Amino acid sequence: MSCLEARTGEVKYEGRRVPIPATFTASPVAVGGKILITSEDGDTFVIKAGPRYEILRTNSVSEPVYASMSLAQGKILIRGEKNLYCIGQKTR
């Protein structure tokens, strides 16, 4: 991953990688000050958006994922090879 200052083109960081070897087919998604990228192994890496590279957490759906995730009504939808996952805050 690389990060450039949009106004000036200044490189903030470049060549950063996720903590485990991974291949990506799905596009990254930006939401709530975070960048979400999901590997073909089904691992989603939550990266803090900004000038300093910081992985906030890693989550897995434990099955292959090739499609980009979707955002709808405050929820994250991830289509795995066999299942569709809907992630959101619990409502009463």
N, C-alpha and C. Protein backbone atom coordinates (compact mmCIF):
# COMPACT_ATOMS: atom_id res chain seq x y z
N MET A 1 0.84 -1.17 0.00
CA MET A 1 0.00 0.00 0.00
C MET A 1 0.88 1.23 0.00
N SER A 2 0.33 2.29 -0.56
CA SER A 2 1.01 3.58 -0.58
C SER A 2 0.01 4.66 -0.22
N CYS A 3 0.50 5.76 0.31
CA CYS A 3 -0.35 6.89 0.67
C CYS A 3 0.33 8.16 0.19
N LEU A 4 -0.40 8.98 -0.56
CA LEU A 4 0.11 10.26 -1.04
C LEU A 4 -0.81 11.37 -0.57
N GLU A 5 -0.26 12.50 -0.26
CA GLU A 5 -1.04 13.70 0.09
C GLU A 5 -1.70 14.19 -1.19
N ALA A 6 -3.03 14.21 -1.21
CA ALA A 6 -3.78 14.56 -2.43
C ALA A 6 -3.44 15.96 -2.95
N ARG A 7 -3.26 16.91 -2.06
CA ARG A 7 -3.00 18.30 -2.47
C ARG A 7 -1.63 18.48 -3.10
N THR A 8 -0.62 17.83 -2.52
CA THR A 8 0.75 18.10 -2.93
C THR A 8 1.42 16.95 -3.67
N GLY A 9 0.88 15.76 -3.55
CA GLY A 9 1.51 14.59 -4.15
C GLY A 9 2.64 14.01 -3.31
N GLU A 10 2.86 14.59 -2.12
CA GLU A 10 3.92 14.11 -1.23
C GLU A 10 3.62 12.68 -0.79
N VAL A 11 4.63 11.82 -0.86
CA VAL A 11 4.48 10.43 -0.44
C VAL A 11 4.56 10.38 1.08
N LYS A 12 3.51 9.88 1.70
CA LYS A 12 3.48 9.72 3.15
C LYS A 12 4.05 8.36 3.56
N TYR A 13 3.70 7.32 2.80
CA TYR A 13 4.33 6.01 2.96
C TYR A 13 4.11 5.24 1.67
N GLU A 14 4.95 4.24 1.45
CA GLU A 14 4.79 3.39 0.27
C GLU A 14 5.40 2.02 0.51
N GLY A 15 4.92 1.06 -0.25
CA GLY A 15 5.45 -0.29 -0.16
C GLY A 15 5.09 -1.03 1.11
N ARG A 16 4.06 -0.59 1.81
CA ARG A 16 3.65 -1.29 3.04
C ARG A 16 2.80 -2.49 2.68
N ARG A 17 2.93 -3.53 3.46
CA ARG A 17 2.21 -4.78 3.21
C ARG A 17 1.42 -5.19 4.45
N VAL A 18 0.42 -6.06 4.22
CA VAL A 18 -0.33 -6.62 5.35
C VAL A 18 0.57 -7.63 6.05
N PRO A 19 0.26 -8.00 7.31
CA PRO A 19 1.18 -8.81 8.10
C PRO A 19 1.35 -10.28 7.66
N ILE A 20 0.49 -10.77 6.77
CA ILE A 20 0.64 -12.15 6.29
C ILE A 20 0.62 -12.13 4.76
N PRO A 21 1.25 -13.10 4.12
CA PRO A 21 1.20 -13.15 2.65
C PRO A 21 -0.25 -13.26 2.18
N ALA A 22 -0.63 -12.45 1.20
CA ALA A 22 -2.02 -12.44 0.75
C ALA A 22 -2.11 -12.00 -0.70
N THR A 23 -3.15 -12.48 -1.37
CA THR A 23 -3.48 -12.08 -2.72
C THR A 23 -4.84 -11.40 -2.68
N PHE A 24 -4.97 -10.30 -3.44
CA PHE A 24 -6.20 -9.52 -3.41
C PHE A 24 -6.83 -9.45 -4.80
N THR A 25 -8.12 -9.78 -4.88
CA THR A 25 -8.91 -9.62 -6.09
C THR A 25 -9.92 -8.50 -5.88
N ALA A 26 -10.49 -8.43 -4.68
CA ALA A 26 -11.51 -7.44 -4.34
C ALA A 26 -10.90 -6.05 -4.21
N SER A 27 -11.69 -5.05 -4.51
CA SER A 27 -11.25 -3.66 -4.37
C SER A 27 -11.34 -3.22 -2.91
N PRO A 28 -10.46 -2.31 -2.48
CA PRO A 28 -10.57 -1.77 -1.13
C PRO A 28 -11.82 -0.90 -1.00
N VAL A 29 -12.29 -0.74 0.23
CA VAL A 29 -13.45 0.09 0.53
C VAL A 29 -13.07 1.04 1.66
N ALA A 30 -13.46 2.30 1.53
CA ALA A 30 -13.21 3.29 2.58
C ALA A 30 -14.51 3.60 3.30
N VAL A 31 -14.45 3.54 4.64
CA VAL A 31 -15.64 3.84 5.44
C VAL A 31 -15.20 4.26 6.84
N GLY A 32 -15.80 5.31 7.35
CA GLY A 32 -15.57 5.72 8.74
C GLY A 32 -14.12 5.93 9.12
N GLY A 33 -13.32 6.53 8.24
CA GLY A 33 -11.93 6.78 8.56
C GLY A 33 -11.04 5.54 8.51
N LYS A 34 -11.56 4.50 7.86
CA LYS A 34 -10.81 3.25 7.74
C LYS A 34 -10.83 2.77 6.29
N ILE A 35 -9.83 1.98 5.94
CA ILE A 35 -9.78 1.32 4.64
C ILE A 35 -9.85 -0.17 4.90
N LEU A 36 -10.80 -0.85 4.24
CA LEU A 36 -10.99 -2.28 4.42
C LEU A 36 -10.55 -2.98 3.15
N ILE A 37 -9.65 -3.95 3.30
CA ILE A 37 -9.22 -4.74 2.15
C ILE A 37 -9.35 -6.22 2.51
N THR A 38 -9.97 -6.98 1.61
CA THR A 38 -10.22 -8.40 1.88
C THR A 38 -9.41 -9.25 0.91
N SER A 39 -8.67 -10.19 1.46
CA SER A 39 -7.83 -11.08 0.65
C SER A 39 -8.66 -12.24 0.10
N GLU A 40 -8.08 -12.93 -0.87
CA GLU A 40 -8.74 -14.11 -1.43
C GLU A 40 -8.90 -15.21 -0.39
N ASP A 41 -8.11 -15.18 0.68
CA ASP A 41 -8.24 -16.16 1.76
C ASP A 41 -9.38 -15.83 2.72
N GLY A 42 -10.03 -14.67 2.54
CA GLY A 42 -11.15 -14.28 3.39
C GLY A 42 -10.76 -13.45 4.60
N ASP A 43 -9.52 -12.96 4.63
CA ASP A 43 -9.07 -12.09 5.72
C ASP A 43 -9.30 -10.64 5.36
N THR A 44 -9.99 -9.90 6.22
CA THR A 44 -10.18 -8.47 6.00
C THR A 44 -9.24 -7.72 6.93
N PHE A 45 -8.46 -6.83 6.34
CA PHE A 45 -7.52 -6.00 7.09
C PHE A 45 -8.13 -4.61 7.20
N VAL A 46 -8.23 -4.12 8.43
CA VAL A 46 -8.79 -2.79 8.71
C VAL A 46 -7.61 -1.86 8.94
N ILE A 47 -7.44 -0.90 8.03
CA ILE A 47 -6.30 0.01 8.07
C ILE A 47 -6.80 1.42 8.34
N LYS A 48 -6.15 2.10 9.25
CA LYS A 48 -6.53 3.47 9.57
C LYS A 48 -6.20 4.37 8.38
N ALA A 49 -7.19 5.11 7.90
CA ALA A 49 -6.96 6.05 6.80
C ALA A 49 -6.17 7.24 7.35
N GLY A 50 -5.14 7.63 6.63
CA GLY A 50 -4.35 8.76 7.09
C GLY A 50 -2.89 8.63 6.69
N PRO A 51 -2.08 9.57 7.09
CA PRO A 51 -0.70 9.64 6.64
C PRO A 51 0.26 8.67 7.30
N ARG A 52 -0.23 7.90 8.27
CA ARG A 52 0.63 6.92 8.95
C ARG A 52 0.00 5.54 8.80
N TYR A 53 0.78 4.58 8.34
CA TYR A 53 0.27 3.22 8.11
C TYR A 53 0.04 2.52 9.45
N GLU A 54 -1.21 2.10 9.66
CA GLU A 54 -1.54 1.42 10.91
C GLU A 54 -2.67 0.42 10.67
N ILE A 55 -2.38 -0.85 10.89
CA ILE A 55 -3.41 -1.88 10.80
C ILE A 55 -4.11 -1.95 12.15
N LEU A 56 -5.42 -1.70 12.14
CA LEU A 56 -6.19 -1.67 13.38
C LEU A 56 -6.61 -3.06 13.82
N ARG A 57 -6.96 -3.90 12.86
CA ARG A 57 -7.36 -5.28 13.19
C ARG A 57 -7.44 -6.11 11.92
N THR A 58 -7.54 -7.41 12.13
CA THR A 58 -7.74 -8.36 11.04
C THR A 58 -8.88 -9.28 11.44
N ASN A 59 -9.80 -9.50 10.51
CA ASN A 59 -10.93 -10.39 10.74
C ASN A 59 -11.01 -11.38 9.59
N SER A 60 -11.51 -12.57 9.85
CA SER A 60 -11.59 -13.59 8.80
C SER A 60 -12.99 -14.20 8.74
N VAL A 61 -13.43 -14.49 7.51
CA VAL A 61 -14.68 -15.23 7.34
C VAL A 61 -14.39 -16.71 7.08
N SER A 62 -13.13 -17.08 7.07
CA SER A 62 -12.69 -18.48 6.96
C SER A 62 -13.17 -19.19 5.70
N GLU A 63 -13.29 -18.44 4.62
CA GLU A 63 -13.57 -19.02 3.31
C GLU A 63 -13.10 -18.03 2.25
N PRO A 64 -12.84 -18.51 1.03
CA PRO A 64 -12.34 -17.61 -0.01
C PRO A 64 -13.32 -16.47 -0.33
N VAL A 65 -12.75 -15.30 -0.62
CA VAL A 65 -13.53 -14.12 -1.01
C VAL A 65 -12.85 -13.52 -2.24
N TYR A 66 -13.63 -13.35 -3.31
CA TYR A 66 -13.10 -12.78 -4.55
C TYR A 66 -13.81 -11.48 -4.92
N ALA A 67 -14.98 -11.24 -4.35
CA ALA A 67 -15.79 -10.07 -4.68
C ALA A 67 -15.49 -8.92 -3.72
N SER A 68 -15.66 -7.70 -4.20
CA SER A 68 -15.51 -6.53 -3.35
C SER A 68 -16.68 -6.47 -2.37
N MET A 69 -16.41 -6.04 -1.15
CA MET A 69 -17.49 -5.92 -0.18
C MET A 69 -18.38 -4.74 -0.55
N SER A 70 -19.59 -4.74 -0.02
CA SER A 70 -20.55 -3.67 -0.25
C SER A 70 -20.93 -3.03 1.07
N LEU A 71 -21.30 -1.78 1.01
CA LEU A 71 -21.77 -1.04 2.18
C LEU A 71 -23.22 -0.64 1.93
N ALA A 72 -24.11 -0.93 2.89
CA ALA A 72 -25.51 -0.59 2.74
C ALA A 72 -26.15 -0.40 4.11
N GLN A 73 -26.79 0.74 4.31
CA GLN A 73 -27.54 1.03 5.52
C GLN A 73 -26.73 0.74 6.79
N GLY A 74 -25.48 1.15 6.80
CA GLY A 74 -24.63 0.98 7.98
C GLY A 74 -24.11 -0.42 8.19
N LYS A 75 -24.27 -1.27 7.20
CA LYS A 75 -23.80 -2.65 7.31
C LYS A 75 -22.76 -2.94 6.23
N ILE A 76 -21.91 -3.94 6.50
CA ILE A 76 -20.90 -4.40 5.54
C ILE A 76 -21.35 -5.77 5.05
N LEU A 77 -21.38 -5.94 3.74
CA LEU A 77 -21.76 -7.22 3.14
C LEU A 77 -20.55 -7.81 2.45
N ILE A 78 -20.23 -9.06 2.80
CA ILE A 78 -19.09 -9.76 2.21
C ILE A 78 -19.61 -11.06 1.62
N ARG A 79 -19.34 -11.26 0.32
CA ARG A 79 -19.77 -12.50 -0.33
C ARG A 79 -18.58 -13.45 -0.39
N GLY A 80 -18.68 -14.48 0.40
CA GLY A 80 -17.66 -15.52 0.38
C GLY A 80 -17.98 -16.53 -0.70
N GLU A 81 -17.14 -17.54 -0.81
CA GLU A 81 -17.35 -18.56 -1.84
C GLU A 81 -18.67 -19.30 -1.64
N LYS A 82 -19.09 -19.49 -0.37
CA LYS A 82 -20.31 -20.24 -0.09
C LYS A 82 -21.36 -19.47 0.71
N ASN A 83 -20.96 -18.38 1.36
CA ASN A 83 -21.88 -17.66 2.25
C ASN A 83 -21.86 -16.16 1.97
N LEU A 84 -22.95 -15.51 2.37
CA LEU A 84 -23.04 -14.06 2.33
C LEU A 84 -23.07 -13.58 3.78
N TYR A 85 -22.15 -12.72 4.15
CA TYR A 85 -22.04 -12.23 5.52
C TYR A 85 -22.54 -10.79 5.58
N CYS A 86 -23.32 -10.49 6.61
CA CYS A 86 -23.79 -9.13 6.89
C CYS A 86 -23.26 -8.74 8.26
N ILE A 87 -22.45 -7.69 8.29
CA ILE A 87 -21.81 -7.27 9.53
C ILE A 87 -22.31 -5.88 9.89
N GLY A 88 -22.78 -5.72 11.10
CA GLY A 88 -23.26 -4.43 11.56
C GLY A 88 -23.47 -4.44 13.05
N GLN A 89 -23.82 -3.30 13.58
CA GLN A 89 -24.06 -3.23 15.01
C GLN A 89 -25.41 -3.86 15.33
N LYS A 90 -25.45 -4.53 16.45
CA LYS A 90 -26.68 -5.17 16.91
C LYS A 90 -27.70 -4.09 17.25
N THR A 91 -28.92 -4.25 16.73
CA THR A 91 -29.99 -3.32 17.06
C THR A 91 -31.03 -4.04 17.90
N ARG A 92 -31.77 -3.28 18.66
CA ARG A 92 -32.77 -3.88 19.54
C ARG A 92 -34.12 -3.92 18.91
